[in-house]
């Protein structure tokens, strides 16, 4: 059995996850749950898009066998749990540094759903690269009998990574948001050194900061794909670049893997 964990507001990226899950297991369970534990007090939990009817249609069209869509009271019957999964140093960099509630909340609900569903395989998207790395490490460190599969990011024709939060964006904000993927691909085209890659991406993002509306950069980092620690200037080898930004009121992320010094 394969599990695809989502927070709903499903799109083509989720459809790709469901299709890939089918390659790895005879049956596919899709979970739909907006997890309150991973949202900070000033974040968008209340307005996060909830589109269960259309989500069910997409799951049916993609051949999911079961949709697991519990309420918060069912997942956390005693309220917020006193004990949560501590993700350790891997979650203290990049997005974890900006959103301290994010990864303890994610790993706690992943643990609960692994226990409830008992999957053999769990499928996650590579757009949330730090989340994928954390889940893989948790499974290895805590001996979960689950194989973790990463699926490449699905992008809109303009390059913008598919995200449920894209529904927040106005037409002009979508134009600005395209700069995230453009910056990552600019870095990929200049992989000789860490400085070269960062300079190429920064040039794109600085130009986006002058658009209307502007892009507000929160993090641009080249990291070790295992530890998510920033790499030193002399680094050579496999790396992942992550960009975190805000366009209007919308928090967006994107990641791209490439080889430095190739």
Protein backbone atom coordinates (compact mmCIF):
# COMPACT_ATOMS: atom_id res chain seq x y z
CA UNK A 1 0.00 0.00 0.00
CA UNK A 2 1.23 3.50 -0.86
CA UNK A 3 0.33 6.68 1.02
CA UNK A 4 0.21 10.17 -0.51
CA UNK A 5 -0.05 12.78 2.25
CA UNK A 6 -1.62 16.11 1.28
CA UNK A 7 -3.30 19.14 2.83
CA UNK A 8 -5.90 19.23 0.07
CA UNK A 9 -6.49 21.91 -2.56
CA UNK A 10 -5.15 19.28 -4.92
CA UNK A 11 -3.57 20.14 -8.26
CA UNK A 12 -1.55 18.54 -11.04
CA UNK A 13 1.42 18.08 -8.73
CA UNK A 14 -0.68 15.95 -6.38
CA UNK A 15 -2.04 14.01 -9.36
CA UNK A 16 1.55 13.16 -10.30
CA UNK A 17 2.17 11.89 -6.77
CA UNK A 18 -0.90 9.63 -6.96
CA UNK A 19 0.17 8.25 -10.35
CA UNK A 20 3.68 7.60 -9.08
CA UNK A 21 2.32 5.90 -5.95
CA UNK A 22 0.45 3.48 -8.20
CA UNK A 23 3.78 2.43 -9.72
CA UNK A 24 5.00 1.31 -6.30
CA UNK A 25 1.95 -0.40 -4.78
CA UNK A 26 -1.25 -2.19 -5.68
CA UNK A 27 -3.39 0.21 -3.65
CA UNK A 28 -3.10 3.95 -3.00
CA UNK A 29 -4.37 5.94 -0.02
CA UNK A 30 -4.52 9.74 -0.28
CA UNK A 31 -4.76 11.66 2.98
CA UNK A 32 -6.29 15.14 3.03
CA UNK A 33 -5.69 17.00 6.27
CA UNK A 34 -4.80 20.63 6.98
CA UNK A 35 -2.50 20.01 9.92
CA UNK A 36 -2.80 22.78 12.54
CA UNK A 37 0.45 21.80 14.26
CA UNK A 38 2.63 23.03 11.41
CA UNK A 39 1.23 26.56 11.26
CA UNK A 40 2.62 29.36 13.42
CA UNK A 41 0.33 31.85 15.16
CA UNK A 42 0.59 34.47 12.39
CA UNK A 43 0.36 32.02 9.47
CA UNK A 44 -2.46 31.10 7.10
CA UNK A 45 -4.13 28.08 8.76
CA UNK A 46 -7.61 29.63 8.79
CA UNK A 47 -7.52 30.73 5.16
CA UNK A 48 -5.63 27.75 3.76
CA UNK A 49 -7.69 26.55 0.76
CA UNK A 50 -10.08 23.70 1.53
CA UNK A 51 -11.69 22.15 -1.56
CA UNK A 52 -12.72 18.65 -0.50
CA UNK A 53 -15.33 18.05 -3.22
CA UNK A 54 -12.97 18.83 -6.09
CA UNK A 55 -10.17 17.02 -4.28
CA UNK A 56 -12.29 13.86 -4.21
CA UNK A 57 -12.95 14.24 -7.94
CA UNK A 58 -9.22 14.44 -8.66
CA UNK A 59 -8.49 11.41 -6.46
CA UNK A 60 -11.18 9.43 -8.25
CA UNK A 61 -9.91 10.46 -11.68
CA UNK A 62 -6.37 9.38 -10.76
CA UNK A 63 -7.53 6.01 -9.39
CA UNK A 64 -6.87 6.45 -5.67
CA UNK A 65 -8.39 3.54 -3.76
CA UNK A 66 -9.04 5.33 -0.46
CA UNK A 67 -9.22 8.96 0.62
CA UNK A 68 -8.50 9.50 4.31
CA UNK A 69 -9.83 12.94 5.31
CA UNK A 70 -10.07 13.09 9.09
CA UNK A 71 -11.00 16.12 11.18
CA UNK A 72 -8.57 17.76 13.60
CA UNK A 73 -10.54 16.30 16.51
CA UNK A 74 -10.07 12.83 15.08
CA UNK A 75 -6.34 13.25 14.57
CA UNK A 76 -5.78 15.06 17.89
CA UNK A 77 -8.65 13.88 20.14
CA UNK A 78 -7.05 15.33 23.27
CA UNK A 79 -6.17 18.64 21.61
CA UNK A 80 -2.62 19.60 20.73
CA UNK A 81 -0.33 16.70 21.66
CA UNK A 82 2.05 17.19 24.57
CA UNK A 83 4.66 15.00 22.85
CA UNK A 84 5.85 15.80 19.33
CA UNK A 85 8.63 14.59 17.06
CA UNK A 86 11.80 16.66 17.46
CA UNK A 87 13.39 16.97 14.00
CA UNK A 88 16.77 18.07 15.39
CA UNK A 89 19.39 20.14 13.64
CA UNK A 90 18.17 19.27 10.14
CA UNK A 91 15.12 21.47 10.79
CA UNK A 92 16.98 24.47 12.19
CA UNK A 93 18.16 25.77 8.82
CA UNK A 94 16.42 27.24 5.77
CA UNK A 95 12.61 27.12 6.14
CA UNK A 96 12.85 25.57 9.60
CA UNK A 97 14.75 28.64 10.81
CA UNK A 98 11.97 30.90 9.55
CA UNK A 99 9.05 28.72 10.69
CA UNK A 100 9.98 26.90 13.92
CA UNK A 101 6.59 25.17 14.23
CA UNK A 102 6.70 23.73 10.72
CA UNK A 103 8.77 20.58 10.87
CA UNK A 104 7.91 19.37 14.38
CA UNK A 105 4.27 19.65 13.27
CA UNK A 106 4.87 17.87 9.96
CA UNK A 107 6.88 14.98 11.42
CA UNK A 108 4.36 14.49 14.22
CA UNK A 109 1.44 14.15 11.80
CA UNK A 110 3.49 11.99 9.41
CA UNK A 111 4.24 9.67 12.33
CA UNK A 112 0.57 9.49 13.29
CA UNK A 113 -0.55 8.77 9.72
CA UNK A 114 2.13 6.13 9.25
CA UNK A 115 0.78 4.38 12.36
CA UNK A 116 -2.85 4.75 11.27
CA UNK A 117 -2.52 3.80 7.60
CA UNK A 118 0.43 1.37 7.88
CA UNK A 119 1.76 2.02 4.35
CA UNK A 120 4.62 0.13 2.74
CA UNK A 121 5.51 3.18 0.63
CA UNK A 122 4.98 6.92 1.12
CA UNK A 123 5.33 9.37 -1.75
CA UNK A 124 6.39 13.01 -1.30
CA UNK A 125 7.15 15.82 -3.75
CA UNK A 126 10.66 17.17 -4.25
CA UNK A 127 9.45 20.79 -4.23
CA UNK A 128 9.43 20.55 -0.42
CA UNK A 129 12.99 19.24 -0.42
CA UNK A 130 13.74 19.89 3.25
CA UNK A 131 10.54 18.12 4.29
CA UNK A 132 11.46 15.14 2.10
CA UNK A 133 14.95 14.98 3.64
CA UNK A 134 13.49 15.14 7.16
CA UNK A 135 10.96 12.38 6.52
CA UNK A 136 13.66 10.16 5.05
CA UNK A 137 15.92 10.77 8.05
CA UNK A 138 13.11 10.15 10.53
CA UNK A 139 12.21 6.86 8.84
CA UNK A 140 15.86 5.76 8.93
CA UNK A 141 16.58 6.91 12.48
CA UNK A 142 13.36 5.59 14.04
CA UNK A 143 13.12 2.36 12.02
CA UNK A 144 9.80 2.96 10.32
CA UNK A 145 9.04 0.08 7.90
CA UNK A 146 8.13 2.54 5.14
CA UNK A 147 9.97 3.22 1.87
CA UNK A 148 10.05 6.92 1.02
CA UNK A 149 9.82 7.92 -2.64
CA UNK A 150 10.52 11.42 -3.94
CA UNK A 151 8.73 12.69 -7.05
CA UNK A 152 10.08 15.54 -9.22
CA UNK A 153 8.43 18.94 -8.94
CA UNK A 154 5.55 19.57 -11.33
CA UNK A 155 5.60 23.08 -12.76
CA UNK A 156 3.17 25.35 -14.51
CA UNK A 157 4.05 26.24 -18.13
CA UNK A 158 5.72 29.44 -16.91
CA UNK A 159 7.99 27.44 -14.56
CA UNK A 160 6.19 28.27 -11.29
CA UNK A 161 6.22 25.23 -9.00
CA UNK A 162 2.73 23.82 -8.44
CA UNK A 163 1.48 24.70 -4.95
CA UNK A 164 -1.90 24.91 -3.26
CA UNK A 165 -0.90 28.41 -2.16
CA UNK A 166 -0.71 29.53 -5.80
CA UNK A 167 -4.49 29.97 -5.58
CA UNK A 168 -3.80 33.05 -3.43
CA UNK A 169 -1.87 34.80 -6.21
CA UNK A 170 -3.34 37.51 -8.41
CA UNK A 171 -2.38 37.70 -12.08
CA UNK A 172 0.37 40.23 -11.40
CA UNK A 173 1.62 38.27 -8.39
CA UNK A 174 1.93 35.17 -10.57
CA UNK A 175 4.25 37.10 -12.89
CA UNK A 176 6.41 38.06 -9.91
CA UNK A 177 6.34 34.52 -8.47
CA UNK A 178 7.82 33.10 -11.69
CA UNK A 179 11.10 34.68 -10.58
CA UNK A 180 11.64 31.91 -8.01
CA UNK A 181 12.06 29.17 -10.60
CA UNK A 182 13.88 31.52 -12.98
CA UNK A 183 16.43 32.21 -10.23
CA UNK A 184 16.99 28.52 -9.55
CA UNK A 185 17.48 27.69 -13.22
CA UNK A 186 19.83 30.66 -13.60
CA UNK A 187 21.95 29.16 -10.80
CA UNK A 188 21.84 25.74 -12.46
CA UNK A 189 23.28 27.30 -15.62
CA UNK A 190 26.21 28.74 -13.62
CA UNK A 191 27.30 25.83 -11.41
CA UNK A 192 31.09 26.32 -11.52
CA UNK A 193 31.23 27.60 -7.93
CA UNK A 194 28.85 28.33 -5.06
CA UNK A 195 29.48 32.06 -5.55
CA UNK A 196 28.68 31.87 -9.27
CA UNK A 197 25.41 30.04 -8.68
CA UNK A 198 24.33 32.40 -5.90
CA UNK A 199 25.22 35.46 -7.96
CA UNK A 200 23.18 34.25 -10.95
CA UNK A 201 20.12 33.54 -8.79
CA UNK A 202 20.47 36.78 -6.82
CA UNK A 203 20.50 38.86 -10.01
CA UNK A 204 17.10 37.42 -11.00
CA UNK A 205 15.60 37.91 -7.54
CA UNK A 206 16.87 41.48 -7.19
CA UNK A 207 15.14 42.34 -10.45
CA UNK A 208 11.95 40.72 -9.15
CA UNK A 209 12.14 42.94 -6.08
CA UNK A 210 11.52 45.89 -8.38
CA UNK A 211 8.37 44.44 -9.93
CA UNK A 212 4.84 45.47 -9.01
CA UNK A 213 4.12 43.74 -6.71
CA UNK A 214 7.68 43.09 -5.58
CA UNK A 215 9.10 39.79 -4.45
CA UNK A 216 10.34 39.85 -0.83
CA UNK A 217 13.20 37.38 -0.51
CA UNK A 218 13.41 35.51 2.81
CA UNK A 219 16.08 32.90 2.07
CA UNK A 220 18.33 31.91 -0.81
CA UNK A 221 20.71 29.11 0.15
CA UNK A 222 22.77 26.36 -1.43
CA UNK A 223 22.71 23.38 0.90
CA UNK A 224 24.02 19.90 1.42
CA UNK A 225 21.11 17.63 0.35
CA UNK A 226 21.64 15.32 3.34
CA UNK A 227 22.00 17.81 6.20
CA UNK A 228 20.49 20.98 4.67
CA UNK A 229 23.41 22.90 6.13
CA UNK A 230 24.65 25.75 3.91
CA UNK A 231 27.68 24.68 1.90
CA UNK A 232 30.98 26.59 2.04
CA UNK A 233 32.26 28.61 -0.90
CA UNK A 234 34.77 25.89 -1.85
CA UNK A 235 32.11 23.14 -1.94
CA UNK A 236 31.98 20.79 -4.92
CA UNK A 237 29.39 18.07 -5.50
CA UNK A 238 25.66 17.43 -5.27
CA UNK A 239 23.74 20.35 -3.79
CA UNK A 240 20.22 21.71 -3.51
CA UNK A 241 19.38 25.37 -3.85
CA UNK A 242 16.35 26.60 -1.96
CA UNK A 243 14.52 29.89 -2.29
CA UNK A 244 11.87 31.18 0.09
CA UNK A 245 10.01 34.39 -0.66
CA UNK A 246 6.79 36.25 -0.10
CA UNK A 247 4.72 37.72 -2.90
CA UNK A 248 2.00 39.90 -1.46
CA UNK A 249 0.72 37.85 1.48
CA UNK A 250 1.70 34.49 -0.02
CA UNK A 251 4.57 32.39 1.28
CA UNK A 252 6.27 30.46 -1.54
CA UNK A 253 9.17 28.03 -1.73
CA UNK A 254 11.04 26.23 -4.48
CA UNK A 255 14.08 23.95 -4.69
CA UNK A 256 16.33 22.63 -7.41
CA UNK A 257 19.13 20.08 -7.23
CA UNK A 258 22.31 20.35 -9.33
CA UNK A 259 26.04 19.67 -9.13
CA UNK A 260 28.42 22.44 -8.08
CA UNK A 261 31.68 22.32 -9.99
CA UNK A 262 30.34 19.98 -12.66
